[in-house]
Amino acid sequence: MIFLPPYSPDLNPIEVVWRKIKNSISNKYFKTADKLQELFSKVFHEIIGEKSFYENSLKKFLPTVVKIK
């Protein structure tokens, strides 16, 4: 488990996920909540399945942690 410094949403990987999901679904019209949920799930799994997502998160996070300690 890695603890983040207080008030540092820029270091929280889930914020990147939310931003990408928001960009993917914000300009679309959904006739049903099920359609929205389907796209949300698809985009979410694509993002967390990317190796680059984890690599970028660690590259951004680790130098900041070293500075804080």
PDB file of N, CA and C in Angstrom:
ATOM      1  N   MET A   1       0.839  -1.161   0.000  1.00  0.00           N
ATOM      2  CA  MET A   1       0.000   0.000   0.000  1.00  0.00           C
ATOM      3  C   MET A   1       0.899   1.245   0.000  1.00  0.00           C
ATOM      4  N   ILE A   2       0.552   2.201  -0.822  1.00  0.00           N
ATOM      5  CA  ILE A   2       1.314   3.441  -0.905  1.00  0.00           C
ATOM      6  C   ILE A   2       0.411   4.579  -0.441  1.00  0.00           C
ATOM      7  N   PHE A   3       0.859   5.314   0.559  1.00  0.00           N
ATOM      8  CA  PHE A   3       0.076   6.425   1.071  1.00  0.00           C
ATOM      9  C   PHE A   3       0.471   7.706   0.349  1.00  0.00           C
ATOM     10  N   LEU A   4      -0.523   8.470  -0.032  1.00  0.00           N
ATOM     11  CA  LEU A   4      -0.293   9.734  -0.720  1.00  0.00           C
ATOM     12  C   LEU A   4      -0.222  10.871   0.287  1.00  0.00           C
ATOM     13  N   PRO A   5       0.532  11.896  -0.032  1.00  0.00           N
ATOM     14  CA  PRO A   5       0.535  13.069   0.836  1.00  0.00           C
ATOM     15  C   PRO A   5      -0.856  13.713   0.810  1.00  0.00           C
ATOM     16  N   PRO A   6      -1.233  14.377   1.885  1.00  0.00           N
ATOM     17  CA  PRO A   6      -2.545  15.040   1.905  1.00  0.00           C
ATOM     18  C   PRO A   6      -2.648  16.095   0.797  1.00  0.00           C
ATOM     19  N   TYR A   7      -3.835  16.267   0.299  1.00  0.00           N
ATOM     20  CA  TYR A   7      -4.151  17.299  -0.707  1.00  0.00           C
ATOM     21  C   TYR A   7      -3.275  17.188  -1.956  1.00  0.00           C
ATOM     22  N   SER A   8      -3.157  15.975  -2.463  1.00  0.00           N
ATOM     23  CA  SER A   8      -2.343  15.775  -3.673  1.00  0.00           C
ATOM     24  C   SER A   8      -3.083  14.907  -4.690  1.00  0.00           C
ATOM     25  N   PRO A   9      -4.213  15.386  -5.189  1.00  0.00           N
ATOM     26  CA  PRO A   9      -4.956  14.578  -6.158  1.00  0.00           C
ATOM     27  C   PRO A   9      -4.180  14.330  -7.445  1.00  0.00           C
ATOM     28  N   ASP A  10      -3.201  15.176  -7.734  1.00  0.00           N
ATOM     29  CA  ASP A  10      -2.400  14.985  -8.948  1.00  0.00           C
ATOM     30  C   ASP A  10      -1.556  13.715  -8.880  1.00  0.00           C
ATOM     31  N   LEU A  11      -1.339  13.182  -7.695  1.00  0.00           N
ATOM     32  CA  LEU A  11      -0.561  11.954  -7.540  1.00  0.00           C
ATOM     33  C   LEU A  11      -1.442  10.714  -7.479  1.00  0.00           C
ATOM     34  N   ASN A  12      -2.729  10.897  -7.383  1.00  0.00           N
ATOM     35  CA  ASN A  12      -3.648   9.776  -7.233  1.00  0.00           C
ATOM     36  C   ASN A  12      -4.007   9.216  -8.607  1.00  0.00           C
ATOM     37  N   PRO A  13      -3.607   7.984  -8.902  1.00  0.00           N
ATOM     38  CA  PRO A  13      -3.854   7.423 -10.236  1.00  0.00           C
ATOM     39  C   PRO A  13      -5.331   7.370 -10.627  1.00  0.00           C
ATOM     40  N   ILE A  14      -6.230   7.228  -9.671  1.00  0.00           N
ATOM     41  CA  ILE A  14      -7.648   7.142 -10.021  1.00  0.00           C
ATOM     42  C   ILE A  14      -8.148   8.449 -10.624  1.00  0.00           C
ATOM     43  N   GLU A  15      -7.512   9.568 -10.288  1.00  0.00           N
ATOM     44  CA  GLU A  15      -7.912  10.851 -10.871  1.00  0.00           C
ATOM     45  C   GLU A  15      -7.669  10.860 -12.381  1.00  0.00           C
ATOM     46  N   VAL A  16      -6.604  10.202 -12.814  1.00  0.00           N
ATOM     47  CA  VAL A  16      -6.325  10.090 -14.251  1.00  0.00           C
ATOM     48  C   VAL A  16      -7.412   9.256 -14.920  1.00  0.00           C
ATOM     49  N   VAL A  17      -7.807   8.180 -14.262  1.00  0.00           N
ATOM     50  CA  VAL A  17      -8.862   7.317 -14.797  1.00  0.00           C
ATOM     51  C   VAL A  17     -10.160   8.102 -14.934  1.00  0.00           C
ATOM     52  N   TRP A  18     -10.554   8.831 -13.884  1.00  0.00           N
ATOM     53  CA  TRP A  18     -11.810   9.608 -13.933  1.00  0.00           C
ATOM     54  C   TRP A  18     -11.763  10.639 -15.054  1.00  0.00           C
ATOM     55  N   ARG A  19     -10.630  11.301 -15.215  1.00  0.00           N
ATOM     56  CA  ARG A  19     -10.511  12.326 -16.261  1.00  0.00           C
ATOM     57  C   ARG A  19     -10.676  11.711 -17.660  1.00  0.00           C
ATOM     58  N   LYS A  20     -10.041  10.569 -17.888  1.00  0.00           N
ATOM     59  CA  LYS A  20     -10.152   9.917 -19.192  1.00  0.00           C
ATOM     60  C   LYS A  20     -11.580   9.437 -19.445  1.00  0.00           C
ATOM     61  N   ILE A  21     -12.215   8.888 -18.424  1.00  0.00           N
ATOM     62  CA  ILE A  21     -13.598   8.439 -18.578  1.00  0.00           C
ATOM     63  C   ILE A  21     -14.504   9.632 -18.861  1.00  0.00           C
ATOM     64  N   LYS A  22     -14.320  10.688 -18.118  1.00  0.00           N
ATOM     65  CA  LYS A  22     -15.140  11.883 -18.318  1.00  0.00           C
ATOM     66  C   LYS A  22     -14.983  12.414 -19.747  1.00  0.00           C
ATOM     67  N   ASN A  23     -13.763  12.446 -20.238  1.00  0.00           N
ATOM     68  CA  ASN A  23     -13.537  12.918 -21.605  1.00  0.00           C
ATOM     69  C   ASN A  23     -14.188  12.002 -22.641  1.00  0.00           C
ATOM     70  N   SER A  24     -14.263  10.725 -22.347  1.00  0.00           N
ATOM     71  CA  SER A  24     -14.835   9.766 -23.290  1.00  0.00           C
ATOM     72  C   SER A  24     -16.353   9.804 -23.342  1.00  0.00           C
ATOM     73  N   ILE A  25     -16.992  10.122 -22.223  1.00  0.00           N
ATOM     74  CA  ILE A  25     -18.445  10.015 -22.183  1.00  0.00           C
ATOM     75  C   ILE A  25     -19.182  11.338 -22.057  1.00  0.00           C
ATOM     76  N   SER A  26     -18.472  12.419 -21.802  1.00  0.00           N
ATOM     77  CA  SER A  26     -19.158  13.681 -21.490  1.00  0.00           C
ATOM     78  C   SER A  26     -19.928  14.283 -22.661  1.00  0.00           C
ATOM     79  N   ASN A  27     -19.523  14.057 -23.882  1.00  0.00           N
ATOM     80  CA  ASN A  27     -20.189  14.672 -25.032  1.00  0.00           C
ATOM     81  C   ASN A  27     -21.101  13.714 -25.777  1.00  0.00           C
ATOM     82  N   LYS A  28     -21.519  12.671 -25.105  1.00  0.00           N
ATOM     83  CA  LYS A  28     -22.368  11.674 -25.753  1.00  0.00           C
ATOM     84  C   LYS A  28     -23.756  11.668 -25.106  1.00  0.00           C
ATOM     85  N   TYR A  29     -24.735  11.271 -25.895  1.00  0.00           N
ATOM     86  CA  TYR A  29     -26.107  11.142 -25.403  1.00  0.00           C
ATOM     87  C   TYR A  29     -26.413   9.659 -25.242  1.00  0.00           C
ATOM     88  N   PHE A  30     -26.967   9.294 -24.116  1.00  0.00           N
ATOM     89  CA  PHE A  30     -27.314   7.910 -23.833  1.00  0.00           C
ATOM     90  C   PHE A  30     -28.808   7.800 -23.614  1.00  0.00           C
ATOM     91  N   LYS A  31     -29.428   6.897 -24.339  1.00  0.00           N
ATOM     92  CA  LYS A  31     -30.879   6.717 -24.210  1.00  0.00           C
ATOM     93  C   LYS A  31     -31.240   6.019 -22.903  1.00  0.00           C
ATOM     94  N   THR A  32     -30.337   5.204 -22.411  1.00  0.00           N
ATOM     95  CA  THR A  32     -30.603   4.489 -21.154  1.00  0.00           C
ATOM     96  C   THR A  32     -29.365   4.530 -20.266  1.00  0.00           C
ATOM     97  N   ALA A  33     -29.603   4.310 -18.992  1.00  0.00           N
ATOM     98  CA  ALA A  33     -28.491   4.237 -18.044  1.00  0.00           C
ATOM     99  C   ALA A  33     -27.622   3.012 -18.328  1.00  0.00           C
ATOM    100  N   ASP A  34     -28.233   1.975 -18.861  1.00  0.00           N
ATOM    101  CA  ASP A  34     -27.464   0.773 -19.194  1.00  0.00           C
ATOM    102  C   ASP A  34     -26.418   1.053 -20.267  1.00  0.00           C
ATOM    103  N   LYS A  35     -26.772   1.869 -21.255  1.00  0.00           N
ATOM    104  CA  LYS A  35     -25.818   2.227 -22.324  1.00  0.00           C
ATOM    105  C   LYS A  35     -24.655   3.028 -21.747  1.00  0.00           C
ATOM    106  N   LEU A  36     -24.957   3.949 -20.847  1.00  0.00           N
ATOM    107  CA  LEU A  36     -23.911   4.721 -20.180  1.00  0.00           C
ATOM    108  C   LEU A  36     -23.008   3.799 -19.382  1.00  0.00           C
ATOM    109  N   GLN A  37     -23.607   2.891 -18.660  1.00  0.00           N
ATOM    110  CA  GLN A  37     -22.830   1.955 -17.844  1.00  0.00           C
ATOM    111  C   GLN A  37     -21.941   1.066 -18.714  1.00  0.00           C
ATOM    112  N   GLU A  38     -22.438   0.636 -19.853  1.00  0.00           N
ATOM    113  CA  GLU A  38     -21.650  -0.198 -20.765  1.00  0.00           C
ATOM    114  C   GLU A  38     -20.404   0.541 -21.246  1.00  0.00           C
ATOM    115  N   LEU A  39     -20.591   1.795 -21.692  1.00  0.00           N
ATOM    116  CA  LEU A  39     -19.439   2.560 -22.174  1.00  0.00           C
ATOM    117  C   LEU A  39     -18.471   2.869 -21.037  1.00  0.00           C
ATOM    118  N   PHE A  40     -19.009   3.233 -19.888  1.00  0.00           N
ATOM    119  CA  PHE A  40     -18.167   3.510 -18.720  1.00  0.00           C
ATOM    120  C   PHE A  40     -17.301   2.304 -18.401  1.00  0.00           C
ATOM    121  N   SER A  41     -17.912   1.138 -18.343  1.00  0.00           N
ATOM    122  CA  SER A  41     -17.192  -0.090 -18.023  1.00  0.00           C
ATOM    123  C   SER A  41     -16.126  -0.391 -19.073  1.00  0.00           C
ATOM    124  N   LYS A  42     -16.480  -0.232 -20.328  1.00  0.00           N
ATOM    125  CA  LYS A  42     -15.535  -0.503 -21.416  1.00  0.00           C
ATOM    126  C   LYS A  42     -14.316   0.415 -21.315  1.00  0.00           C
ATOM    127  N   VAL A  43     -14.555   1.711 -21.164  1.00  0.00           N
ATOM    128  CA  VAL A  43     -13.451   2.676 -21.085  1.00  0.00           C
ATOM    129  C   VAL A  43     -12.609   2.424 -19.838  1.00  0.00           C
ATOM    130  N   PHE A  44     -13.262   2.159 -18.713  1.00  0.00           N
ATOM    131  CA  PHE A  44     -12.549   1.896 -17.468  1.00  0.00           C
ATOM    132  C   PHE A  44     -11.602   0.710 -17.621  1.00  0.00           C
ATOM    133  N   HIS A  45     -12.094  -0.384 -18.175  1.00  0.00           N
ATOM    134  CA  HIS A  45     -11.254  -1.575 -18.315  1.00  0.00           C
ATOM    135  C   HIS A  45     -10.136  -1.377 -19.341  1.00  0.00           C
ATOM    136  N   GLU A  46     -10.384  -0.570 -20.353  1.00  0.00           N
ATOM    137  CA  GLU A  46      -9.311  -0.258 -21.312  1.00  0.00           C
ATOM    138  C   GLU A  46      -8.190   0.513 -20.625  1.00  0.00           C
ATOM    139  N   ILE A  47      -8.548   1.471 -19.806  1.00  0.00           N
ATOM    140  CA  ILE A  47      -7.549   2.313 -19.134  1.00  0.00           C
ATOM    141  C   ILE A  47      -6.732   1.495 -18.140  1.00  0.00           C
ATOM    142  N   ILE A  48      -7.405   0.775 -17.265  1.00  0.00           N
ATOM    143  CA  ILE A  48      -6.653   0.048 -16.235  1.00  0.00           C
ATOM    144  C   ILE A  48      -5.900  -1.145 -16.804  1.00  0.00           C
ATOM    145  N   GLY A  49      -6.238  -1.551 -18.017  1.00  0.00           N
ATOM    146  CA  GLY A  49      -5.523  -2.647 -18.664  1.00  0.00           C
ATOM    147  C   GLY A  49      -4.256  -2.203 -19.370  1.00  0.00           C
ATOM    148  N   GLU A  50      -4.063  -0.898 -19.487  1.00  0.00           N
ATOM    149  CA  GLU A  50      -2.882  -0.375 -20.181  1.00  0.00           C
ATOM    150  C   GLU A  50      -1.671  -0.427 -19.268  1.00  0.00           C
ATOM    151  N   LYS A  51      -0.622  -1.043 -19.732  1.00  0.00           N
ATOM    152  CA  LYS A  51       0.620  -1.085 -18.954  1.00  0.00           C
ATOM    153  C   LYS A  51       1.165   0.328 -18.749  1.00  0.00           C
ATOM    154  N   SER A  52       0.988   1.176 -19.757  1.00  0.00           N
ATOM    155  CA  SER A  52       1.511   2.541 -19.666  1.00  0.00           C
ATOM    156  C   SER A  52       0.834   3.332 -18.555  1.00  0.00           C
ATOM    157  N   PHE A  53      -0.414   2.997 -18.249  1.00  0.00           N
ATOM    158  CA  PHE A  53      -1.115   3.690 -17.158  1.00  0.00           C
ATOM    159  C   PHE A  53      -0.357   3.513 -15.851  1.00  0.00           C
ATOM    160  N   TYR A  54       0.022   2.283 -15.544  1.00  0.00           N
ATOM    161  CA  TYR A  54       0.744   2.008 -14.302  1.00  0.00           C
ATOM    162  C   TYR A  54       2.161   2.575 -14.327  1.00  0.00           C
ATOM    163  N   GLU A  55       2.821   2.445 -15.467  1.00  0.00           N
ATOM    164  CA  GLU A  55       4.181   2.971 -15.570  1.00  0.00           C
ATOM    165  C   GLU A  55       4.190   4.485 -15.379  1.00  0.00           C
ATOM    166  N   ASN A  56       3.266   5.183 -16.012  1.00  0.00           N
ATOM    167  CA  ASN A  56       3.204   6.639 -15.882  1.00  0.00           C
ATOM    168  C   ASN A  56       2.866   7.057 -14.458  1.00  0.00           C
ATOM    169  N   SER A  57       1.980   6.323 -13.816  1.00  0.00           N
ATOM    170  CA  SER A  57       1.613   6.645 -12.437  1.00  0.00           C
ATOM    171  C   SER A  57       2.820   6.516 -11.520  1.00  0.00           C
ATOM    172  N   LEU A  58       3.565   5.435 -11.682  1.00  0.00           N
ATOM    173  CA  LEU A  58       4.745   5.231 -10.836  1.00  0.00           C
ATOM    174  C   LEU A  58       5.832   6.259 -11.127  1.00  0.00           C
ATOM    175  N   LYS A  59       6.048   6.570 -12.395  1.00  0.00           N
ATOM    176  CA  LYS A  59       7.067   7.562 -12.748  1.00  0.00           C
ATOM    177  C   LYS A  59       6.748   8.919 -12.147  1.00  0.00           C
ATOM    178  N   LYS A  60       5.494   9.249 -12.082  1.00  0.00           N
ATOM    179  CA  LYS A  60       5.085  10.542 -11.521  1.00  0.00           C
ATOM    180  C   LYS A  60       5.113  10.517  -9.998  1.00  0.00           C
ATOM    181  N   PHE A  61       4.729   9.386  -9.430  1.00  0.00           N
ATOM    182  CA  PHE A  61       4.576   9.302  -7.988  1.00  0.00           C
ATOM    183  C   PHE A  61       5.894   9.155  -7.237  1.00  0.00           C
ATOM    184  N   LEU A  62       6.759   8.271  -7.682  1.00  0.00           N
ATOM    185  CA  LEU A  62       7.965   7.952  -6.920  1.00  0.00           C
ATOM    186  C   LEU A  62       8.897   9.134  -6.676  1.00  0.00           C
ATOM    187  N   PRO A  63       9.192   9.981  -7.674  1.00  0.00           N
ATOM    188  CA  PRO A  63      10.066  11.125  -7.384  1.00  0.00           C
ATOM    189  C   PRO A  63       9.458  12.092  -6.362  1.00  0.00           C
ATOM    190  N   THR A  64       8.160  12.210  -6.362  1.00  0.00           N
ATOM    191  CA  THR A  64       7.497  13.096  -5.403  1.00  0.00           C
ATOM    192  C   THR A  64       7.606  12.546  -4.000  1.00  0.00           C
ATOM    193  N   VAL A  65       7.474  11.252  -3.851  1.00  0.00           N
ATOM    194  CA  VAL A  65       7.588  10.628  -2.539  1.00  0.00           C
ATOM    195  C   VAL A  65       8.992  10.813  -1.988  1.00  0.00           C
ATOM    196  N   VAL A  66       9.985  10.676  -2.830  1.00  0.00           N
ATOM    197  CA  VAL A  66      11.373  10.856  -2.392  1.00  0.00           C
ATOM    198  C   VAL A  66      11.578  12.290  -1.908  1.00  0.00           C
ATOM    199  N   LYS A  67      11.008  13.272  -2.592  1.00  0.00           N
ATOM    200  CA  LYS A  67      11.152  14.666  -2.190  1.00  0.00           C
ATOM    201  C   LYS A  67      10.491  14.918  -0.843  1.00  0.00           C
ATOM    202  N   ILE A  68       9.364  14.288  -0.588  1.00  0.00           N
ATOM    203  CA  ILE A  68       8.605  14.524   0.634  1.00  0.00           C
ATOM    204  C   ILE A  68       9.316  13.943   1.841  1.00  0.00           C
ATOM    205  N   LYS A  69       9.924  12.768   1.665  1.00  0.00           N
ATOM    206  CA  LYS A  69      10.619  12.124   2.785  1.00  0.00           C
ATOM    207  C   LYS A  69      11.824  12.948   3.128  1.00  0.00           C
TER     208      LYS A  69
END
